[in-house]
Protein backbone atom coordinates (compact mmCIF):
# COMPACT_ATOMS: atom_id res chain seq x y z
CA MET A 1 133.48 7.79 62.85
CA THR A 2 136.09 5.17 62.23
CA GLU A 3 139.06 5.39 59.83
CA ASN A 4 137.06 3.42 57.07
CA ASN A 5 134.14 5.93 57.51
CA ILE A 6 131.75 3.34 59.19
CA ILE A 7 129.36 4.89 61.68
CA GLU A 8 129.67 3.39 65.08
CA LEU A 9 126.42 1.98 66.27
CA THR A 10 126.21 3.35 69.61
CA PRO A 11 123.22 2.38 71.85
CA PHE A 12 121.47 5.54 71.02
CA ARG A 13 121.93 5.11 67.25
CA ILE A 14 120.68 1.47 67.54
CA ASP A 15 117.45 2.81 69.25
CA LEU A 16 116.85 5.34 66.40
CA THR A 17 117.79 2.92 63.62
CA ARG A 18 115.15 0.45 65.02
CA ALA A 19 112.60 3.34 65.33
CA LEU A 20 113.42 4.44 61.62
CA ALA A 21 112.80 0.57 60.62
CA ARG A 22 109.24 0.87 61.93
CA ARG A 23 108.22 3.76 59.39
CA GLY A 24 105.06 3.14 57.57
CA GLU A 25 105.92 1.73 54.31
CA ARG A 26 108.40 -0.63 55.71
CA LEU A 27 105.76 -1.82 58.26
CA LEU A 28 103.33 -2.56 55.46
CA ALA A 29 106.05 -4.75 53.75
CA SER A 30 106.53 -6.83 57.04
CA ASN A 31 106.13 -10.60 56.60
CA ASP A 32 104.46 -10.70 60.13
CA LEU A 33 102.19 -7.46 60.23
CA ALA A 34 100.23 -8.43 63.20
CA GLU A 35 103.35 -9.02 65.32
CA GLU A 36 104.96 -5.91 64.22
CA VAL A 37 101.99 -3.75 65.12
CA ALA A 38 101.53 -5.40 68.41
CA LEU A 39 105.00 -4.12 69.35
CA LEU A 40 104.22 -0.60 68.51
CA GLU A 41 103.51 1.78 71.40
CA PRO A 42 100.24 3.79 70.91
CA LEU A 43 102.04 7.08 70.04
CA GLU A 44 104.19 5.17 67.41
CA ALA A 45 101.07 3.41 65.96
CA TYR A 46 99.31 6.78 65.51
CA TYR A 47 102.17 8.61 63.64
CA ILE A 48 102.64 5.52 61.42
CA VAL A 49 98.94 5.55 60.38
CA ARG A 50 99.10 9.34 59.78
CA GLU A 51 102.41 8.94 57.83
CA ILE A 52 100.68 6.19 55.65
CA GLY A 53 97.41 8.11 55.26
CA LEU A 54 94.10 6.75 56.49
CA GLY A 55 93.17 5.73 53.00
CA GLN A 56 96.19 3.29 52.68
CA ALA A 57 96.54 2.28 56.19
CA LEU A 58 93.77 -0.44 56.56
CA PRO A 59 96.19 -3.46 57.01
CA VAL A 60 97.69 -1.65 59.93
CA LEU A 61 94.33 -0.35 61.30
CA LEU A 62 92.89 -4.03 61.49
CA GLN A 63 95.75 -4.88 63.68
CA LEU A 64 95.52 -2.11 66.27
CA SER A 65 94.71 -3.08 69.81
CA HIS A 66 92.32 -1.23 71.89
CA GLU A 67 94.91 0.79 73.56
CA GLN A 68 96.47 1.83 70.24
CA LEU A 69 93.06 2.76 68.55
CA GLU A 70 91.97 4.62 71.72
CA ALA A 71 95.42 6.77 71.40
CA CYS A 72 94.66 7.44 67.64
CA ILE A 73 91.32 8.64 68.43
CA ASP A 74 92.55 10.76 71.44
CA LEU A 75 95.19 12.44 69.20
CA ASP A 76 93.09 12.83 66.33
CA CYS A 77 89.44 13.52 67.13
CA TRP A 78 89.53 16.54 69.24
CA ASN A 79 89.80 20.18 68.69
CA ARG A 80 91.13 21.34 72.09
CA TYR A 81 88.04 20.63 74.15
CA ASP A 82 85.52 19.87 71.54
CA PHE A 83 84.94 16.35 70.00
CA ALA A 84 85.56 16.37 66.22
CA VAL A 85 82.74 14.20 64.70
CA ASP A 86 84.00 14.58 61.32
CA SER A 87 87.53 13.38 62.27
CA LEU A 88 86.13 10.15 63.86
CA ASP A 89 84.00 9.75 60.64
CA GLU A 90 87.36 9.61 58.62
CA TRP A 91 88.58 6.76 60.81
CA LEU A 92 85.26 4.90 60.45
CA THR A 93 85.43 5.33 56.76
CA ALA A 94 88.86 3.65 56.59
CA PHE A 95 87.76 0.81 58.67
CA ALA A 96 84.45 0.51 56.61
CA LEU A 97 86.51 -0.37 53.48
CA ALA A 98 86.63 -3.90 55.09
CA GLY A 99 82.92 -4.24 55.27
CA PRO A 100 80.08 -3.62 57.64
CA GLU A 101 81.24 -6.15 60.20
CA THR A 102 84.61 -4.50 60.54
CA LEU A 103 82.92 -1.00 60.67
CA ALA A 104 80.82 -2.35 63.64
CA THR A 105 83.51 -4.10 65.41
CA SER A 106 85.79 -1.14 65.11
CA PHE A 107 83.09 1.22 66.50
CA PHE A 108 82.43 -1.10 69.47
CA SER A 109 86.11 -1.29 70.21
CA LEU A 110 86.26 2.36 70.93
CA ASP A 111 86.13 3.68 74.49
CA TYR A 112 82.39 3.38 75.48
CA VAL A 113 82.00 7.00 76.21
CA VAL A 114 83.38 7.98 72.95
CA GLN A 115 80.83 5.78 71.31
CA LEU A 116 78.05 7.71 73.33
CA LEU A 117 79.44 10.99 72.32
CA PHE A 118 79.63 10.21 68.60
CA LEU A 119 75.96 8.97 68.46
CA THR A 120 74.76 11.73 70.93
CA GLN A 121 76.05 14.41 68.51
CA THR A 122 74.88 12.78 65.33
CA VAL A 123 71.42 11.14 66.06
CA THR A 124 68.32 11.85 68.32
CA VAL A 125 66.74 8.68 69.81
CA TYR A 126 63.10 8.59 70.48
CA ASP A 127 60.92 5.81 72.03
CA PRO A 128 57.84 6.14 70.08
CA ASP A 129 55.79 4.43 72.93
CA THR A 130 56.71 6.82 75.59
CA ASP A 131 58.45 9.97 74.05
CA GLN A 132 56.67 12.90 72.63
CA VAL A 133 58.00 12.67 69.03
CA PRO A 134 57.90 16.12 67.10
CA PRO A 135 55.75 16.18 64.02
CA GLU A 136 57.88 15.39 60.95
CA ASP A 137 58.46 18.42 58.73
CA GLU A 138 58.21 17.14 55.07
CA GLU A 139 60.03 20.16 53.55
CA ASN A 140 62.69 20.93 55.99
CA GLY A 141 62.53 17.96 58.38
CA LYS A 142 65.66 15.79 59.23
CA PRO A 143 65.85 12.25 57.92
CA ARG A 144 64.35 9.49 60.25
CA ALA A 145 64.46 5.78 60.46
CA MET A 146 63.14 3.00 62.72
CA THR A 147 65.70 0.75 64.18
CA PRO A 148 65.50 -2.86 62.81
CA ASP A 149 64.05 -4.24 66.05
CA GLY A 150 61.40 -1.54 66.07
CA PHE A 151 62.29 -0.22 69.40
CA TYR A 152 63.52 3.30 68.50
CA LEU A 153 62.91 6.09 66.11
CA LEU A 154 66.16 7.80 64.91
CA GLU A 155 66.54 11.38 63.73
CA LEU A 156 69.51 12.64 62.05
CA LYS A 157 70.98 15.44 64.16
CA THR A 158 74.06 16.56 62.50
CA GLU A 159 74.00 18.99 59.76
CA MET A 160 77.69 18.18 58.44
CA VAL A 161 77.93 15.80 55.67
CA LEU A 162 79.68 12.60 56.86
CA LYS A 163 81.18 9.81 54.76
CA ILE A 164 79.62 7.16 56.85
CA HIS A 165 75.79 8.00 57.46
CA PRO A 166 75.04 7.46 61.19
CA PHE A 167 72.14 5.26 60.05
CA THR A 168 74.53 3.05 57.92
CA LEU A 169 76.78 2.71 61.00
CA LEU A 170 73.90 1.83 63.30
CA ASP A 171 72.55 -0.84 60.71
CA ALA A 172 76.07 -2.32 60.67
CA MET A 173 75.97 -2.40 64.56
CA TYR A 174 72.59 -4.04 64.66
CA GLN A 175 73.80 -6.86 62.34
CA TYR A 176 76.85 -7.38 64.35
CA ASP A 177 75.42 -7.09 67.92
CA PRO A 178 71.76 -6.28 68.37
CA THR A 179 71.59 -6.34 72.03
CA GLY A 180 74.73 -4.10 72.51
CA THR A 181 73.45 -1.58 69.95
CA GLN A 182 69.92 -1.41 71.61
CA GLN A 183 71.68 -0.73 75.10
CA ILE A 184 73.88 2.02 73.71
CA LEU A 185 70.88 3.77 71.94
CA SER A 186 68.87 3.48 75.25
CA GLN A 187 71.67 5.31 77.04
CA VAL A 188 71.91 7.95 74.33
CA ARG A 189 68.26 8.53 74.54
CA VAL A 190 68.44 9.69 78.16
CA ASP A 191 71.85 10.95 78.64
CA LEU A 192 72.78 14.69 78.33
CA PRO A 193 75.21 15.38 75.63
CA THR A 194 77.20 17.95 77.54
CA GLN A 195 77.63 15.39 80.41
CA ILE A 196 78.79 12.80 77.98
CA GLU A 197 81.30 15.20 76.39
CA GLU A 198 82.75 16.29 79.79
CA GLU A 199 83.29 12.82 80.90
CA ALA A 200 84.79 11.71 77.59
CA LEU A 201 87.14 14.76 77.75
CA ARG A 202 88.17 14.09 81.37
CA PHE A 203 89.16 10.49 80.35
CA ARG A 204 90.94 11.76 77.29
CA ASN A 205 93.00 14.28 79.12
CA GLY A 206 94.20 11.75 81.47
CA ARG A 207 95.37 9.60 78.77
CA MET A 208 96.99 12.28 76.71
CA GLN A 209 99.05 13.39 79.85
CA ASP A 210 100.19 9.77 80.25
CA MET A 211 101.64 10.26 76.67
CA GLY A 212 103.30 13.57 77.75
CA PHE A 213 100.62 15.78 75.99
CA VAL A 214 100.11 17.91 79.12
CA THR A 215 97.75 20.96 79.34
CA PRO A 216 98.65 24.27 77.80
CA ASP A 217 99.54 25.74 81.27
CA GLU A 218 101.83 22.96 81.98
CA ALA A 219 103.37 23.02 78.58
CA SER A 220 104.17 26.61 78.93
CA VAL A 221 106.88 25.67 81.42
CA LEU A 222 108.95 24.93 78.46
CA PHE A 223 109.21 28.80 77.91
CA SER A 224 109.70 29.69 81.54
CA ARG A 225 113.01 31.03 83.20
CA PRO A 226 115.29 27.98 83.96
CA ALA A 227 116.74 27.22 87.34
CA SER A 228 119.81 29.34 87.87
CA ARG A 229 121.48 26.74 90.20
CA GLN A 230 122.36 23.32 89.36
CA PRO A 231 119.77 20.72 90.50
CA LEU A 232 120.46 17.71 92.57
CA PRO A 233 121.39 14.56 90.56
CA ARG A 234 118.13 12.56 89.73
CA PRO A 235 117.57 8.89 89.94
CA GLN A 236 118.69 6.96 86.86
CA LYS A 237 116.06 4.49 86.71
CA PRO A 238 113.49 4.79 83.93
CA LEU A 239 110.06 6.31 84.78
CA ASP A 240 107.20 4.10 85.57
CA SER A 241 105.87 3.94 82.12
CA ALA A 242 106.27 1.77 78.97
CA LEU A 243 106.44 4.77 76.71
CA THR A 244 110.22 4.83 76.42
CA ARG A 245 110.59 4.28 72.60
CA VAL A 246 111.07 7.19 70.14
CA PRO A 247 108.50 7.18 67.39
CA SER A 248 110.13 7.24 63.94
CA VAL A 249 108.73 10.77 63.09
CA TYR A 250 110.88 12.06 66.15
CA ALA A 251 113.72 9.59 65.59
CA GLY A 252 114.23 11.06 61.97
CA THR A 253 115.24 14.46 63.47
CA LEU A 254 117.35 13.16 66.22
CA ILE A 255 119.74 11.18 64.08
CA ALA A 256 121.12 14.41 62.68
CA THR A 257 124.47 15.44 64.04
CA THR A 258 124.06 17.85 67.04
CA LEU A 259 125.61 18.39 70.33
CA LEU A 260 122.56 16.57 71.89
CA GLN A 261 123.05 13.64 69.55
CA GLN A 262 126.82 13.45 70.33
CA ALA A 263 126.17 13.59 74.01
CA LEU A 264 123.45 10.85 73.79
CA SER A 265 125.74 8.75 71.72
CA LEU A 266 128.21 8.53 74.68
CA ILE A 267 125.60 6.95 77.07
CA THR A 268 125.94 3.16 77.44
CA ASP A 269 123.50 2.62 80.41
CA GLN A 270 120.38 1.36 78.40
CA GLU A 271 118.05 2.17 81.36
CA PHE A 272 119.33 5.74 81.58
CA LEU A 273 119.29 6.06 77.86
CA SER A 274 115.60 5.01 77.76
CA ARG A 275 114.71 7.46 80.42
CA LEU A 276 116.34 10.22 78.32
CA GLU A 277 114.42 9.16 75.29
CA GLN A 278 111.20 9.18 77.15
CA GLU A 279 111.98 12.81 78.42
CA ILE A 280 112.82 13.74 74.87
CA VAL A 281 109.42 12.38 73.56
CA TRP A 282 107.60 14.12 76.37
CA ALA A 283 109.34 17.32 75.72
CA ILE A 284 108.35 17.17 72.02
CA ASN A 285 104.71 16.26 72.90
CA SER A 286 104.80 19.30 75.39
CA ALA A 287 106.12 21.63 72.74
CA ILE A 288 103.34 20.43 70.37
CA ILE A 289 100.75 21.64 72.78
CA ALA A 290 102.76 24.82 73.70
CA TYR A 291 103.02 25.84 70.07
CA GLY A 292 99.36 25.19 69.55
CA GLU A 293 99.98 22.78 66.70
CA LYS A 294 97.93 19.55 65.79
CA THR A 295 99.37 16.06 65.65
CA GLN A 296 97.64 15.19 62.35
CA ASP A 297 100.27 17.23 60.20
CA ILE A 298 103.29 15.12 60.07
CA LYS A 299 105.36 17.79 58.34
CA GLN A 300 104.52 20.29 61.15
CA ILE A 301 105.07 17.76 63.77
CA THR A 302 108.71 17.01 62.28
CA ASP A 303 109.43 20.77 62.42
CA ILE A 304 108.42 20.87 66.06
CA ALA A 305 110.68 17.88 66.83
CA GLU A 306 113.57 19.69 65.01
CA ARG A 307 113.01 22.71 67.14
CA VAL A 308 113.03 20.85 70.30
CA ARG A 309 116.28 19.11 69.36
CA ASP A 310 118.00 22.33 68.45
CA THR A 311 116.73 24.08 71.52
CA ILE A 312 118.01 21.32 73.80
CA SER A 313 121.38 21.30 72.04
CA LEU A 314 121.50 25.15 72.43
CA GLY A 315 120.75 24.69 76.29
CA LEU A 316 123.52 22.23 76.54
CA GLU A 317 126.08 24.45 74.78
CA SER A 318 124.76 27.49 76.81
CA LEU A 319 125.57 25.61 80.03
CA LEU A 320 128.84 24.37 78.87
CA ALA A 321 129.85 27.83 77.93
CA LYS A 322 129.12 29.14 81.35
CA GLN A 323 130.72 26.17 83.30
CA GLU A 324 133.51 25.33 81.14
CA PRO A 325 134.49 28.61 79.20
CA ASN A 326 137.73 27.40 77.86
CA CYS A 327 136.12 24.06 76.51
CA PRO A 328 136.06 24.27 72.69
CA LEU A 329 132.52 23.67 71.55
CA ASP A 330 133.17 21.94 68.53
CA GLY A 331 135.53 19.23 69.92
CA PRO A 332 135.10 15.80 71.48
CA GLU A 333 135.59 17.01 74.96
CA ALA A 334 132.33 19.12 74.42
CA ALA A 335 130.32 16.02 73.74
CA ALA A 336 131.66 14.23 76.91
CA LYS A 337 130.90 17.13 79.14
CA ALA A 338 127.55 17.60 77.50
CA SER A 339 126.85 13.83 78.19
CA ASP A 340 127.75 14.56 81.86
CA LEU A 341 125.10 17.40 81.79
CA LEU A 342 122.44 14.84 80.75
CA GLU A 343 122.98 13.18 83.98
CA VAL A 344 122.33 16.22 86.03
CA TRP A 345 119.76 18.27 84.07
CA CYS A 346 116.40 16.85 82.89
CA ILE A 347 115.48 17.43 79.21
CA THR A 348 112.89 20.02 79.97
CA ASP A 349 115.31 22.19 81.94
CA LEU A 350 117.97 22.02 79.04
CA PHE A 351 115.23 23.00 76.75
CA ARG A 352 114.56 26.00 79.07
CA HIS A 353 118.20 27.02 79.15
CA GLY A 354 118.23 26.91 75.37
CA PHE A 355 115.08 29.12 75.15
CA ALA A 356 116.61 31.58 77.66
CA ALA A 357 119.68 31.87 75.39
CA THR A 358 117.36 33.53 72.73
CA GLN A 359 115.65 36.10 74.99
CA GLY A 360 118.60 38.63 74.68
CA LEU A 361 117.99 38.58 70.77
CA GLN A 362 114.34 39.19 71.33
CA GLN A 363 114.98 42.04 73.74
CA GLU A 364 117.28 43.65 71.17
CA ALA A 365 114.69 43.31 68.42
CA ARG A 366 112.13 44.98 70.68
CA GLN A 367 114.58 47.76 71.45
CA ALA A 368 115.24 48.37 67.85
CA LEU A 369 111.55 49.04 67.28
CA ARG A 370 111.93 52.02 69.54
CA GLU A 371 114.10 53.69 66.85
CA PRO A 372 111.50 55.56 64.79
CA ARG A 373 113.20 54.87 61.48
CA PHE A 374 113.38 51.21 62.26
CA ARG A 375 109.79 51.01 63.28
CA THR A 376 108.68 52.94 60.35
CA TRP A 377 110.55 50.53 58.00
CA TYR A 378 109.15 47.49 59.74
CA GLU A 379 105.53 48.65 59.96
CA LEU A 380 105.27 49.62 56.18
CA ALA A 381 102.30 48.27 54.48
CA ASP A 382 102.76 45.43 52.19
CA THR A 383 102.04 47.76 49.15
CA GLN A 384 105.04 50.04 50.21
CA GLN A 385 107.67 47.39 51.05
CA SER A 386 110.58 46.82 48.72
CA ASP A 387 110.37 44.01 46.30
CA GLU A 388 114.03 43.24 46.76
CA PRO A 389 114.60 39.54 48.08
CA VAL A 390 116.96 40.83 50.67
CA ASP A 391 114.32 43.12 52.16
CA ARG A 392 111.84 40.10 52.48
CA LEU A 393 114.41 38.09 54.15
CA GLU A 394 115.32 40.84 56.80
CA ARG A 395 111.64 41.53 57.59
CA ALA A 396 111.13 37.70 58.17
CA PHE A 397 114.28 37.60 60.33
CA VAL A 398 112.86 40.37 62.65
CA THR A 399 109.48 39.02 62.66
CA ALA A 400 110.62 35.63 63.88
CA LEU A 401 112.62 37.16 66.54
CA LEU A 402 109.66 39.31 67.84
CA GLY A 403 107.31 36.33 68.00
CA ARG A 404 106.00 34.85 71.22
CA HIS A 405 108.80 32.11 71.00
CA PRO A 406 111.72 33.93 69.17
CA LEU A 407 112.92 31.77 66.22
CA HIS A 408 115.43 31.92 63.40
CA SER A 409 114.00 33.00 59.92
CA GLY A 410 115.13 34.94 56.94
CA PHE A 411 117.72 32.33 55.83
CA ASP A 412 116.01 30.80 52.83
CA PRO A 413 115.74 33.07 49.72
CA ALA A 414 113.29 30.54 48.31
CA ARG A 415 111.15 30.61 51.43
CA ALA A 416 111.82 33.81 53.17
CA GLU A 417 109.30 33.16 56.06
CA ALA A 418 110.71 29.69 56.85
CA VAL A 419 111.42 29.33 60.61
CA LYS A 420 113.71 27.01 62.73
CA ALA A 421 114.97 27.31 66.17
CA PHE A 422 118.49 28.57 67.09
CA ALA A 423 120.74 25.39 67.41
CA CYS A 424 124.00 26.89 68.75
CA LEU A 425 125.52 30.02 70.25
CA ALA A 426 127.32 30.65 66.94
CA ASP A 427 123.77 31.06 65.48
CA ILE A 428 122.86 33.42 68.34
CA ASP A 429 126.03 35.55 67.75
CA ALA A 430 125.43 35.77 64.14
CA ALA A 431 121.92 36.93 64.80
CA HIS A 432 123.19 39.57 67.00
CA VAL A 433 125.56 40.87 64.30
CA ARG A 434 122.72 40.70 61.60
CA LEU A 435 120.29 42.67 63.68
CA LYS A 436 122.77 45.34 64.68
CA ARG A 437 123.86 45.84 61.07
CA LEU A 438 120.27 45.90 59.85
CA VAL A 439 119.32 48.55 62.53
CA ASP A 440 122.23 50.68 61.82
CA GLN A 441 121.70 50.40 58.06
CA ILE A 442 118.05 51.46 58.21
CA CYS A 443 118.63 54.16 60.77
CA ARG A 444 121.31 55.82 58.89
CA GLN A 445 119.04 56.14 55.58
CA ALA A 446 118.14 59.80 54.84
């Protein structure tokens, strides 16, 4: 900060400012929307559409490239290992606002195996000339329709109510590309649904890993014990990938003043900074998987990004406290030394060091439950608990420490159960004191 309080535009802050300029509403107001959307990386495009809302995002949707739309469907239309037909229906509904042709072209622009998967799970295709067609049940039968070319008999398979009826979609497809629609229906008729889903999932998982959304087992590495010895210096060239920009939903959290932000602001090598930004994006994406969250909820994703930011900052501070015990952690020297650490430790390892710094708290909380009075207090039924706001805050505080991943809670009287990550060693120290005082207070009660 200069004497006239103008914030210095470091390379990192410039990157974040550019990212924030790509937020949804600003993008919609662009004079050249097509050009702006073309510059978006797939993950950025997805979060922008989610931030705007599918119902309002049609101008952006119409400009998405195949790769961008593919990423949107990968991120939004799967429940772990199962394809979510109703989620893809929401996207098709948004495209249908522009008319039948746009509906058809958007469906044909999807990954081919996803097209097969959607139709396989929603319609049964019969060839009346060669297939044994079951008799139609007039009372409980499923809706049927012949294709416009007369080749196939379609029977509705899904029982869920979709906004875009599969027959309406197929009618639009026949109007746009009769030959292509006939070909895809011929394949739907003979392919096994399970094989199609397995193939679609395999392709999707590969693309997700390219964006840093690794498998749950790989994501769990974030919460494993960090290396005790300093690793070898890593190459400072960016990884072999174009995914180096920070999506605006992540950038909004990283612009806050933390030790991580201060350290990144001291880096002037743009290639190295791009690599670090990429590692941060991947760490957040891995954390989303590790915490078991979905990418559809922008508020939840923002919370995860803040947790990752704070845990990395805590990792930097924890390493500094061990390596430079006499260095004031709130001064400029700390930021410079933290910046040096970024050249040595990868972002994932820094997160792991931050997480390790919380483990002592969790162990103390578990040890406290061995005290009979404290366990009795903690395990009281809801109807027997005190109505005092302070009691609710203390219970939330202990519950968050005992979770699978210890977090900080019990700090907001208006939202007792709100959680965040521990962001610095001072937070850890204060929590140690708070827990000890609470245990002593309860165990002294008659």
